[in-house]
Protein backbone atom coordinates (compact mmCIF):
# COMPACT_ATOMS: atom_id res chain seq x y z
CA UNK A 1 0.00 0.00 0.00
CA UNK A 2 1.22 3.51 -0.76
CA UNK A 3 2.13 5.98 1.97
CA UNK A 4 0.08 9.10 2.72
CA UNK A 5 0.92 12.27 0.78
CA UNK A 6 2.97 14.95 2.48
CA UNK A 7 1.86 18.39 3.59
CA UNK A 8 4.21 21.35 3.99
CA UNK A 9 4.43 22.95 7.42
CA UNK A 10 4.92 26.67 8.01
CA UNK A 11 8.55 26.04 8.99
CA UNK A 12 9.31 24.53 5.58
CA UNK A 13 9.38 20.90 6.71
CA UNK A 14 7.01 18.21 5.48
CA UNK A 15 4.67 15.93 7.41
CA UNK A 16 2.50 12.97 6.32
CA UNK A 17 -1.11 14.05 5.87
CA UNK A 18 -2.39 10.98 7.73
CA UNK A 19 -0.75 9.36 10.73
CA UNK A 20 -1.00 6.42 13.10
CA UNK A 21 -2.37 7.18 16.55
CA UNK A 22 -0.82 5.09 19.31
CA UNK A 23 -2.98 5.93 22.33
CA UNK A 24 -3.42 2.84 24.59
CA UNK A 25 -1.39 0.58 22.25
CA UNK A 26 1.62 -1.08 23.91
CA UNK A 27 2.56 -3.90 21.55
CA UNK A 28 5.69 -2.94 19.56
CA UNK A 29 4.71 -5.39 16.81
CA UNK A 30 1.61 -3.32 16.05
CA UNK A 31 3.86 -0.36 15.27
CA UNK A 32 6.09 -2.52 13.07
CA UNK A 33 3.00 -3.68 11.15
CA UNK A 34 1.68 -0.14 10.84
CA UNK A 35 4.97 1.04 9.36
CA UNK A 36 5.01 -1.97 7.04
CA UNK A 37 1.49 -1.10 5.91
CA UNK A 38 2.65 2.35 4.83
CA UNK A 39 2.26 4.62 7.85
CA UNK A 40 5.14 7.01 8.23
CA UNK A 41 3.82 9.23 11.04
CA UNK A 42 3.61 7.76 14.54
CA UNK A 43 1.88 9.93 17.15
CA UNK A 44 2.59 9.29 20.83
CA UNK A 45 2.81 11.28 24.09
CA UNK A 46 4.39 11.07 27.51
CA UNK A 47 0.90 10.57 28.94
CA UNK A 48 0.26 7.57 26.67
CA UNK A 49 2.98 5.70 28.59
CA UNK A 50 4.03 3.81 25.47
CA UNK A 51 7.03 5.73 24.11
CA UNK A 52 9.31 2.80 24.92
CA UNK A 53 7.13 0.43 22.90
CA UNK A 54 6.85 2.90 20.02
CA UNK A 55 10.63 3.16 20.03
CA UNK A 56 10.98 -0.62 19.88
CA UNK A 57 8.62 -0.75 16.94
CA UNK A 58 10.69 1.88 15.13
CA UNK A 59 13.91 0.01 15.88
CA UNK A 60 12.46 -3.31 14.71
CA UNK A 61 11.07 -1.91 11.48
CA UNK A 62 13.19 -2.25 8.32
CA UNK A 63 12.08 1.26 7.30
CA UNK A 64 14.79 3.87 7.86
CA UNK A 65 14.34 6.35 10.70
CA UNK A 66 14.82 9.13 8.15
CA UNK A 67 11.61 8.05 6.43
CA UNK A 68 9.56 8.28 9.61
CA UNK A 69 7.90 11.24 11.30
CA UNK A 70 7.68 10.82 15.07
CA UNK A 71 5.50 13.05 17.26
CA UNK A 72 5.37 13.15 21.03
CA UNK A 73 3.82 15.56 23.53
CA UNK A 74 4.74 17.47 26.65
CA UNK A 75 2.69 16.60 29.75
CA UNK A 76 0.97 19.24 31.82
CA UNK A 77 3.19 18.82 34.87
CA UNK A 78 6.17 19.99 32.81
CA UNK A 79 4.91 23.45 31.83
CA UNK A 80 7.43 26.21 32.47
CA UNK A 81 10.90 27.22 31.31
CA UNK A 82 12.78 24.04 32.30
CA UNK A 83 10.17 21.27 32.09
CA UNK A 84 10.14 20.90 28.28
CA UNK A 85 13.89 20.21 28.12
CA UNK A 86 13.73 17.65 30.93
CA UNK A 87 10.67 15.91 29.51
CA UNK A 88 11.86 15.84 25.90
CA UNK A 89 15.19 14.35 26.99
CA UNK A 90 13.28 11.63 28.86
CA UNK A 91 11.02 11.01 25.86
CA UNK A 92 14.00 10.69 23.53
CA UNK A 93 15.60 8.17 25.88
CA UNK A 94 12.42 6.10 26.00
CA UNK A 95 12.00 6.29 22.22
CA UNK A 96 15.66 5.48 21.60
CA UNK A 97 15.99 8.49 19.30
CA UNK A 98 18.22 11.55 19.14
CA UNK A 99 15.38 13.79 17.97
CA UNK A 100 11.67 13.79 17.29
CA UNK A 101 10.08 15.35 14.24
CA UNK A 102 7.34 17.17 16.12
CA UNK A 103 7.00 18.09 19.79
CA UNK A 104 3.62 19.36 20.99
CA UNK A 105 2.37 21.06 24.16
CA UNK A 106 -0.41 18.59 24.98
CA UNK A 107 -2.85 21.04 26.64
CA UNK A 108 -2.69 24.81 27.26
CA UNK A 109 -3.76 24.65 30.94
CA UNK A 110 -4.80 28.32 31.09
CA UNK A 111 -5.49 28.21 34.82
CA UNK A 112 -1.78 27.83 35.61
CA UNK A 113 -0.95 30.25 32.78
CA UNK A 114 2.49 28.98 31.82
CA UNK A 115 1.86 28.11 28.20
CA UNK A 116 3.70 31.18 26.81
CA UNK A 117 6.76 30.46 28.93
CA UNK A 118 6.50 26.82 27.88
CA UNK A 119 6.26 27.78 24.22
CA UNK A 120 9.43 29.86 24.48
CA UNK A 121 11.23 26.80 25.86
CA UNK A 122 9.88 24.72 22.96
CA UNK A 123 11.36 27.23 20.50
CA UNK A 124 14.76 26.74 22.10
CA UNK A 125 14.49 22.95 21.79
CA UNK A 126 13.67 23.29 18.10
CA UNK A 127 16.58 25.64 17.54
CA UNK A 128 18.89 23.08 19.17
CA UNK A 129 17.64 20.29 16.90
CA UNK A 130 16.13 18.09 19.60
CA UNK A 131 12.86 18.39 17.70
CA UNK A 132 12.59 19.33 14.05
CA UNK A 133 9.26 21.13 14.40
CA UNK A 134 7.16 22.35 17.31
CA UNK A 135 3.45 22.67 17.79
CA UNK A 136 0.57 22.62 20.20
CA UNK A 137 -2.47 20.54 20.95
CA UNK A 138 -5.90 21.70 22.07
CA UNK A 139 -4.98 25.39 21.77
CA UNK A 140 -7.91 27.73 21.17
CA UNK A 141 -7.62 30.87 19.00
CA UNK A 142 -6.97 33.04 22.06
CA UNK A 143 -4.10 30.80 23.13
CA UNK A 144 -2.57 30.89 19.65
CA UNK A 145 -2.81 34.65 19.30
CA UNK A 146 -1.07 35.14 22.63
CA UNK A 147 1.91 32.86 22.01
CA UNK A 148 2.45 34.34 18.55
CA UNK A 149 2.15 37.90 19.87
CA UNK A 150 4.60 37.27 22.72
CA UNK A 151 7.19 35.11 20.94
CA UNK A 152 6.79 35.87 17.25
CA UNK A 153 6.70 32.14 16.44
CA UNK A 154 3.59 30.28 15.28
CA UNK A 155 3.19 26.56 15.91
CA UNK A 156 3.60 24.30 12.88
CA UNK A 157 0.69 22.10 14.01
CA UNK A 158 -2.33 22.39 16.30
CA UNK A 159 -3.74 18.96 17.13
CA UNK A 160 -7.37 19.23 18.23
CA UNK A 161 -10.52 17.17 18.59
CA UNK A 162 -12.09 17.21 15.14
CA UNK A 163 -14.73 15.01 13.47
CA UNK A 164 -18.00 15.55 11.56
CA UNK A 165 -19.95 16.05 14.78
CA UNK A 166 -17.45 18.73 15.87
CA UNK A 167 -15.82 20.16 12.73
CA UNK A 168 -14.10 23.11 14.41
CA UNK A 169 -14.81 25.62 11.61
CA UNK A 170 -13.67 28.68 13.59
CA UNK A 171 -10.64 26.88 15.01
CA UNK A 172 -9.53 25.73 11.59
CA UNK A 173 -9.88 29.27 10.26
CA UNK A 174 -7.75 30.60 13.12
CA UNK A 175 -5.09 27.95 12.46
CA UNK A 176 -5.10 28.73 8.76
CA UNK A 177 -4.50 32.41 9.55
CA UNK A 178 -1.11 31.43 10.97
CA UNK A 179 -0.49 28.76 8.30
CA UNK A 180 -0.80 26.15 11.06
CA UNK A 181 -1.79 22.63 10.00
CA UNK A 182 -4.84 21.47 11.94
CA UNK A 183 -4.30 17.86 12.97
CA UNK A 184 -7.28 15.80 14.12
CA UNK A 185 -7.37 13.63 17.20
CA UNK A 186 -10.38 11.36 17.60
CA UNK A 187 -11.01 11.84 13.88
CA UNK A 188 -13.68 9.13 13.77
CA UNK A 189 -15.46 10.44 16.87
CA UNK A 190 -14.61 7.77 19.42
CA UNK A 191 -17.38 7.11 21.91
CA UNK A 192 -20.06 8.49 19.59
CA UNK A 193 -22.42 6.89 17.08
CA UNK A 194 -20.57 8.44 14.13
CA UNK A 195 -19.72 5.11 12.52
CA UNK A 196 -23.43 4.22 12.51
CA UNK A 197 -24.56 7.51 11.00
CA UNK A 198 -26.92 6.84 8.07
CA UNK A 199 -25.78 9.89 6.07
CA UNK A 200 -22.18 8.72 6.17
CA UNK A 201 -23.22 5.14 5.43
CA UNK A 202 -25.08 6.27 2.32
CA UNK A 203 -22.12 8.31 1.11
CA UNK A 204 -19.82 5.37 1.75
CA UNK A 205 -22.05 2.97 -0.16
CA UNK A 206 -22.03 5.27 -3.17
CA UNK A 207 -18.22 5.41 -3.19
CA UNK A 208 -17.67 1.77 -2.22
CA UNK A 209 -16.00 2.83 1.01
CA UNK A 210 -16.60 2.32 4.72
CA UNK A 211 -17.90 5.09 6.96
CA UNK A 212 -14.47 5.40 8.56
CA UNK A 213 -12.87 5.85 5.15
CA UNK A 214 -15.42 8.51 4.22
CA UNK A 215 -14.75 10.40 7.44
CA UNK A 216 -10.98 10.24 7.06
CA UNK A 217 -11.22 11.40 3.45
CA UNK A 218 -13.45 14.27 4.64
CA UNK A 219 -10.67 15.37 6.99
CA UNK A 220 -8.09 15.51 4.24
CA UNK A 221 -10.41 17.36 1.85
CA UNK A 222 -11.21 20.10 4.37
CA UNK A 223 -7.50 20.60 4.98
CA UNK A 224 -7.11 18.66 8.23
CA UNK A 225 -4.56 15.93 8.95
CA UNK A 226 -6.20 12.99 10.77
CA UNK A 227 -4.51 10.68 13.26
CA UNK A 228 -6.76 7.59 13.43
CA UNK A 229 -5.99 4.91 15.99
CA UNK A 230 -6.51 1.18 15.64
CA UNK A 231 -4.64 -1.86 16.89
CA UNK A 232 -6.36 -4.08 14.30
CA UNK A 233 -4.27 -4.52 11.11
CA UNK A 234 -7.31 -4.85 8.86
CA UNK A 235 -8.70 -1.56 10.16
CA UNK A 236 -5.51 0.42 10.05
CA UNK A 237 -4.86 -0.77 6.51
CA UNK A 238 -8.36 0.37 5.58
CA UNK A 239 -7.79 3.75 7.27
CA UNK A 240 -4.84 4.42 4.99
CA UNK A 241 -6.73 3.39 1.85
CA UNK A 242 -8.55 6.70 1.34
CA UNK A 243 -6.67 8.50 -1.40
CA UNK A 244 -8.26 6.74 -4.39
CA UNK A 245 -11.60 8.58 -4.25
CA UNK A 246 -12.96 12.08 -3.65
CA UNK A 247 -16.04 13.37 -1.92
CA UNK A 248 -18.05 15.73 -4.11
CA UNK A 249 -19.63 19.05 -3.15
CA UNK A 250 -22.92 17.42 -2.21
CA UNK A 251 -21.11 14.90 0.02
CA UNK A 252 -19.26 17.70 1.80
CA UNK A 253 -22.44 19.72 2.28
CA UNK A 254 -24.25 16.76 3.80
CA UNK A 255 -21.37 16.04 6.16
CA UNK A 256 -21.27 19.71 7.17
CA UNK A 257 -24.88 19.30 8.26
CA UNK A 258 -23.85 16.75 10.91
CA UNK A 259 -22.23 19.40 13.12
CA UNK A 260 -23.61 19.18 16.67
CA UNK A 261 -21.23 21.71 18.22
CA UNK A 262 -20.52 19.23 21.01
CA UNK A 263 -17.12 18.01 22.12
CA UNK A 264 -16.45 14.41 23.09
CA UNK A 265 -13.22 15.21 24.91
CA UNK A 266 -12.16 17.93 27.34
CA UNK A 267 -12.70 21.66 26.89
CA UNK A 268 -9.29 23.38 26.56
CA UNK A 269 -10.55 26.30 28.67
CA UNK A 270 -10.97 24.06 31.70
CA UNK A 271 -9.34 20.68 31.02
CA UNK A 272 -6.40 19.93 33.28
CA UNK A 273 -3.84 17.25 32.48
CA UNK A 274 -1.07 16.74 35.00
């Protein structure tokens, strides 16, 4: 199977448009199989507690490290000027790597109000080459505008909850204003009835694709970069097989009508992750 196409980041680097989410997966062989299937982006985090296993999968894969794009994330208890350096060093040791391709602030945690200071530390880590690119996760427009205003550096990526029930129109517009790639976590709406939605099922039947494939293709056509997660080889192969068809204008309009305005995950204004 072919790999996902690449998208250019605002720092000039390239990132696969579709990645492999690793949340709750701790079997290194799954990561080897995902890479073998064609995935080149692996998305992990300190809080997933599986960086060691992801690193083993990378080491055991015959695919060169240079062909892979590895993302990990800073936990909330490491916000501040020194925490990012300490935590990234620990992540690199667990992963068995000398750098990651993308390092994200996992949540803004506005109550403790250290995300600007944390972002400045992330810039330093990028400049030193410990991470190729830097970004954020779950940052709202007001968080983005503040870090850009105070540091002059925009994130390359903002990874947010995004799916047809919560399409994040305003957030995506804010990201686009800074040339930030919006990356989608929970792209298939985990914990919801999205996969049973009759509108999506009808669209899928017309294209000869599953609902999950329709949803993932929708992400890429609206300019988002999805990170689906599955530990089942048949499913993660299917998730990558979405670039041989296109949704038409009517399909996109019908999917737009599924917006409920409701999050499944935490609200970045109040969510705390330590």
